[in-house]
Amino acid sequence: MGKIISFDLDMTLIDHKQGFIIPQSAADTIHKLHKNNKIVIATGRDLSLDIGIDILNLIQPDAVIHMNGARVEMCGRNLFEKHLPKQKFNELIQVALSRKWCVGSNVNGIYYCTNPDVLRKREEDLLGRPIHNAQEHFELLHQDNIFTANAFENQYDIDRLALEFSEFYFAKYGAKYGCDIVAAGVSKAEGMKVLLKEWSADFTDVIAVGDSANDIDLLKIAGMGIAMGNATSDVKEVADYITTDISKEGIYHAFKYLNMI
């Protein structure tokens, strides 16, 4: 079977400065690796949504760890899934409203959140334009099957939420603000455990590549953890190897270094 190679998506395979595409050198590297190894995409995104279809068609991974492990899929079959606890999530929404924080989630392709004006302004400040067509949060209160949500706040406020809501895991982004929210006990590493059981393998068989805080648990436990050159400092500290930036063919250079291509 060879190795099980896990790739984060945003700023590991996808350089947002170049648009929502995988650089050709990274795609070519993965196709070469796929001949003798299992390929896994482990992302905070739900790749079953429209935005992920092109990525899946290009990479054709053997499995996907969606939404930081909230859903694990292999060959079109869900091996694991865990929703956010509805009552506690509704409580979180009320806290966000009272503090004028922005917490939201995607429901059927529409993004609903508290204080959508806050989200628009932050995206304009950071990205130059809003990327979510954000709607008011009300629809979220009626949903029973939300896998993941987001908080667009600074790291201090996210830490406050984590102390108040132990029922959730707050997976911070690499930037100075923002996180994904999944149920407690869910992570990319736990998602990988599900796949390893299916493949009768263990973490010594895993090579994991990532760039931000939600990759740390998997990089630490993998047989080989690779940090992108553009990774945050805490990710680089736990990595076994640091490759070049995503904009400098980091994926290609990592596996050239390992003599796997």
Protein backbone atom coordinates (compact mmCIF):
# COMPACT_ATOMS: atom_id res chain seq x y z
CA MET A 1 0.00 0.00 0.00
CA GLY A 2 2.92 2.35 0.54
CA LYS A 3 2.34 5.42 2.71
CA ILE A 4 -0.86 7.23 3.65
CA ILE A 5 -0.24 10.86 2.69
CA SER A 6 -2.56 13.47 4.16
CA PHE A 7 -2.80 17.00 2.79
CA ASP A 8 -4.46 20.00 4.35
CA LEU A 9 -6.13 22.18 1.73
CA ASP A 10 -6.08 25.94 2.38
CA MET A 11 -2.57 27.40 2.10
CA THR A 12 -1.12 23.89 1.85
CA LEU A 13 -2.48 22.83 -1.53
CA ILE A 14 -4.42 26.00 -2.38
CA ASP A 15 -2.68 29.36 -2.52
CA HIS A 16 -5.42 31.93 -1.98
CA LYS A 17 -3.28 34.63 -3.54
CA GLN A 18 -3.58 32.74 -6.83
CA GLY A 19 -7.29 31.96 -6.50
CA PHE A 20 -9.02 28.76 -5.42
CA ILE A 21 -6.77 26.45 -7.43
CA ILE A 22 -4.05 23.91 -6.74
CA PRO A 23 -0.68 24.90 -8.28
CA GLN A 24 0.33 22.64 -11.15
CA SER A 25 3.52 21.45 -9.42
CA ALA A 26 1.49 20.31 -6.39
CA ALA A 27 -1.08 18.52 -8.55
CA ASP A 28 1.66 16.79 -10.55
CA THR A 29 3.42 15.73 -7.34
CA ILE A 30 0.24 14.23 -5.89
CA HIS A 31 -0.49 12.31 -9.08
CA LYS A 32 2.98 10.76 -8.96
CA LEU A 33 2.60 9.89 -5.28
CA HIS A 34 -0.79 8.33 -5.92
CA LYS A 35 0.73 5.50 -7.95
CA ASN A 36 2.09 3.76 -4.84
CA ASN A 37 0.43 5.50 -1.89
CA LYS A 38 -2.97 6.38 -0.43
CA ILE A 39 -3.91 10.07 -0.72
CA VAL A 40 -6.12 11.75 1.88
CA ILE A 41 -7.43 15.31 1.93
CA ALA A 42 -7.85 16.51 5.55
CA THR A 43 -9.51 19.91 5.61
CA GLY A 44 -11.70 22.21 7.64
CA ARG A 45 -13.98 22.51 4.61
CA ASP A 46 -16.92 20.39 3.56
CA LEU A 47 -15.71 19.26 0.15
CA SER A 48 -19.10 17.85 -0.75
CA LEU A 49 -20.20 21.45 -1.40
CA ASP A 50 -19.85 22.91 -4.90
CA ILE A 51 -16.56 24.63 -4.10
CA GLY A 52 -14.91 21.27 -3.42
CA ILE A 53 -16.06 19.27 -6.44
CA ASP A 54 -13.31 20.49 -8.77
CA ILE A 55 -10.69 19.76 -6.11
CA LEU A 56 -11.94 16.20 -5.64
CA ASN A 57 -12.08 15.63 -9.40
CA LEU A 58 -8.50 16.84 -9.77
CA ILE A 59 -6.94 15.00 -6.82
CA GLN A 60 -9.22 11.93 -6.71
CA PRO A 61 -8.21 11.13 -3.11
CA ASP A 62 -8.71 7.71 -1.59
CA ALA A 63 -10.48 9.36 1.36
CA VAL A 64 -11.50 12.76 2.69
CA ILE A 65 -11.50 14.00 6.26
CA HIS A 66 -14.07 16.80 6.00
CA MET A 67 -14.62 19.62 8.47
CA ASN A 68 -11.68 18.80 10.76
CA GLY A 69 -12.91 15.23 11.21
CA ALA A 70 -16.64 15.86 11.68
CA ARG A 71 -17.21 13.60 8.68
CA VAL A 72 -14.88 10.96 7.24
CA GLU A 73 -15.61 9.67 3.75
CA MET A 74 -14.06 6.89 1.67
CA CYS A 75 -15.21 5.83 -1.80
CA GLY A 76 -18.41 7.84 -1.41
CA ARG A 77 -19.24 6.11 1.89
CA ASN A 78 -19.40 7.93 5.22
CA LEU A 79 -17.33 6.05 7.78
CA PHE A 80 -17.93 8.54 10.58
CA GLU A 81 -19.93 11.68 11.26
CA LYS A 82 -20.70 13.80 14.29
CA HIS A 83 -22.91 16.88 14.43
CA LEU A 84 -22.69 19.86 16.74
CA PRO A 85 -24.95 19.41 19.80
CA LYS A 86 -27.96 21.54 18.87
CA GLN A 87 -28.85 22.98 22.28
CA LYS A 88 -25.29 24.05 23.07
CA PHE A 89 -24.83 25.49 19.59
CA ASN A 90 -27.98 27.59 20.03
CA GLU A 91 -26.55 28.79 23.35
CA LEU A 92 -23.34 29.73 21.54
CA ILE A 93 -25.37 31.71 19.00
CA GLN A 94 -27.03 33.67 21.82
CA VAL A 95 -23.66 34.44 23.40
CA ALA A 96 -22.33 35.65 20.05
CA LEU A 97 -25.36 37.92 19.61
CA SER A 98 -24.99 39.42 23.08
CA ARG A 99 -21.29 40.18 22.50
CA LYS A 100 -21.73 41.30 18.88
CA TRP A 101 -19.47 38.50 17.70
CA CYS A 102 -19.75 36.74 14.36
CA VAL A 103 -20.52 32.99 14.49
CA GLY A 104 -22.02 31.19 11.53
CA SER A 105 -22.38 28.10 9.37
CA ASN A 106 -23.24 27.04 5.84
CA VAL A 107 -26.70 25.53 5.37
CA ASN A 108 -27.60 24.20 1.93
CA GLY A 109 -25.10 26.50 0.24
CA ILE A 110 -26.16 29.66 2.11
CA TYR A 111 -23.99 31.16 4.85
CA TYR A 112 -25.91 32.28 7.95
CA CYS A 113 -24.25 34.09 10.83
CA THR A 114 -24.67 36.47 13.71
CA ASN A 115 -23.70 40.05 12.92
CA PRO A 116 -23.07 39.56 9.16
CA ASP A 117 -21.88 43.16 8.83
CA VAL A 118 -18.94 42.28 11.09
CA LEU A 119 -17.99 39.42 8.77
CA ARG A 120 -18.23 41.58 5.65
CA LYS A 121 -16.00 44.26 7.14
CA ARG A 122 -13.37 41.78 8.32
CA GLU A 123 -13.24 40.07 4.95
CA GLU A 124 -12.90 43.42 3.21
CA ASP A 125 -10.08 44.43 5.58
CA LEU A 126 -8.21 41.13 5.25
CA LEU A 127 -9.04 40.01 1.71
CA GLY A 128 -10.09 43.19 -0.02
CA ARG A 129 -13.61 41.89 -0.63
CA PRO A 130 -16.33 39.89 1.16
CA ILE A 131 -16.27 36.20 0.22
CA HIS A 132 -19.43 35.11 2.04
CA ASN A 133 -22.86 36.32 0.96
CA ALA A 134 -23.77 36.29 4.65
CA GLN A 135 -27.38 36.17 5.82
CA GLU A 136 -28.82 36.68 9.30
CA HIS A 137 -28.44 33.72 11.66
CA PHE A 138 -32.09 32.75 12.24
CA GLU A 139 -32.03 29.63 10.04
CA LEU A 140 -29.27 28.14 12.19
CA LEU A 141 -31.59 27.88 15.19
CA HIS A 142 -33.80 25.35 13.38
CA GLN A 143 -31.09 22.99 12.14
CA ASP A 144 -30.47 19.60 13.77
CA ASN A 145 -27.55 18.40 11.65
CA ILE A 146 -24.88 21.10 11.55
CA PHE A 147 -21.44 19.50 11.38
CA THR A 148 -19.28 22.59 11.71
CA ALA A 149 -19.43 26.33 12.29
CA ASN A 150 -17.02 29.27 12.29
CA ALA A 151 -16.19 32.07 14.67
CA PHE A 152 -14.63 35.17 13.10
CA GLU A 153 -13.11 36.66 16.23
CA ASN A 154 -9.65 37.29 17.63
CA GLN A 155 -7.68 34.54 19.34
CA TYR A 156 -8.35 35.90 22.84
CA ASP A 157 -12.13 35.78 22.36
CA ILE A 158 -11.93 32.30 20.84
CA ASP A 159 -10.06 31.12 23.93
CA ARG A 160 -12.85 32.61 26.06
CA LEU A 161 -15.42 30.63 24.07
CA ALA A 162 -13.41 27.45 24.50
CA LEU A 163 -13.48 27.86 28.27
CA GLU A 164 -17.24 28.48 28.26
CA PHE A 165 -18.17 25.72 25.80
CA SER A 166 -16.27 22.51 26.50
CA GLU A 167 -18.73 20.66 24.23
CA PHE A 168 -16.91 22.09 21.20
CA TYR A 169 -13.42 22.00 19.74
CA PHE A 170 -12.28 25.37 18.41
CA ALA A 171 -9.75 24.77 15.61
CA LYS A 172 -7.97 28.07 15.08
CA TYR A 173 -6.94 29.38 11.69
CA GLY A 174 -3.39 30.39 10.90
CA ALA A 175 -4.35 34.06 10.82
CA LYS A 176 -4.70 36.25 13.92
CA TYR A 177 -8.43 35.68 14.02
CA GLY A 178 -10.99 33.01 13.28
CA CYS A 179 -11.60 29.32 13.89
CA ASP A 180 -13.67 26.33 12.87
CA ILE A 181 -16.00 24.85 15.48
CA VAL A 182 -16.70 21.12 15.67
CA ALA A 183 -17.94 18.78 18.38
CA ALA A 184 -15.51 17.97 21.18
CA GLY A 185 -13.42 14.90 20.44
CA VAL A 186 -13.44 15.60 16.69
CA SER A 187 -10.15 16.38 14.95
CA LYS A 188 -8.14 15.52 11.87
CA ALA A 189 -6.11 13.01 13.91
CA GLU A 190 -9.28 11.27 15.11
CA GLY A 191 -10.54 11.21 11.53
CA MET A 192 -7.31 9.58 10.44
CA LYS A 193 -7.79 6.87 13.10
CA VAL A 194 -11.02 5.89 11.38
CA LEU A 195 -9.19 5.47 8.07
CA LEU A 196 -6.27 3.60 9.59
CA LYS A 197 -8.67 1.04 11.02
CA GLU A 198 -10.19 0.54 7.55
CA TRP A 199 -6.77 0.11 6.00
CA SER A 200 -5.26 -1.99 8.81
CA ALA A 201 -2.47 0.57 9.20
CA ASP A 202 -1.13 2.80 11.97
CA PHE A 203 0.23 6.32 12.34
CA THR A 204 3.77 5.26 11.48
CA ASP A 205 2.45 4.81 7.93
CA VAL A 206 1.17 8.41 7.76
CA ILE A 207 2.84 11.45 6.22
CA ALA A 208 0.85 14.59 7.07
CA VAL A 209 1.29 18.03 5.50
CA GLY A 210 -0.25 21.23 6.88
CA ASP A 211 0.17 24.87 7.75
CA SER A 212 -2.11 25.96 10.61
CA ALA A 213 -3.28 25.11 14.12
CA ASN A 214 -5.94 22.60 13.09
CA ASP A 215 -3.15 20.46 11.56
CA ILE A 216 -1.02 20.22 14.71
CA ASP A 217 -2.65 17.14 16.24
CA LEU A 218 -2.18 15.14 13.04
CA LEU A 219 1.36 16.35 12.35
CA LYS A 220 2.41 15.42 15.88
CA ILE A 221 1.11 11.86 15.74
CA ALA A 222 2.00 11.07 12.12
CA GLY A 223 5.12 9.11 11.29
CA MET A 224 6.27 12.18 9.34
CA GLY A 225 4.86 15.65 9.87
CA ILE A 226 5.64 18.29 7.24
CA ALA A 227 4.99 21.99 7.74
CA MET A 228 4.68 24.36 4.83
CA GLY A 229 7.17 27.23 4.74
CA ASN A 230 4.22 29.59 5.19
CA ALA A 231 2.97 27.65 8.25
CA THR A 232 2.46 29.30 11.62
CA SER A 233 5.30 29.02 14.12
CA ASP A 234 3.45 26.53 16.36
CA VAL A 235 3.00 24.19 13.39
CA LYS A 236 6.68 24.42 12.48
CA GLU A 237 7.64 23.58 16.07
CA VAL A 238 5.93 20.17 15.92
CA ALA A 239 6.95 19.29 12.36
CA ASP A 240 9.67 16.80 11.43
CA TYR A 241 10.46 18.77 8.29
CA ILE A 242 9.70 22.29 7.03
CA THR A 243 9.37 22.68 3.29
CA THR A 244 9.20 25.88 1.25
CA ASP A 245 6.18 28.19 0.97
CA ILE A 246 3.13 27.15 -1.02
CA SER A 247 4.07 29.86 -3.54
CA LYS A 248 7.55 28.28 -3.91
CA GLU A 249 6.48 24.73 -4.81
CA GLY A 250 6.46 23.54 -1.19
CA ILE A 251 4.65 20.27 -1.95
CA TYR A 252 7.07 19.33 -4.72
CA HIS A 253 10.15 20.14 -2.62
CA ALA A 254 8.88 18.20 0.40
CA PHE A 255 8.49 14.93 -1.47
CA LYS A 256 11.62 15.48 -3.50
CA TYR A 257 13.42 15.74 -0.16
CA LEU A 258 11.84 12.43 0.93
CA ASN A 259 12.95 10.80 -2.35
CA MET A 260 9.35 9.84 -3.11
CA ILE A 261 9.18 11.51 -6.53
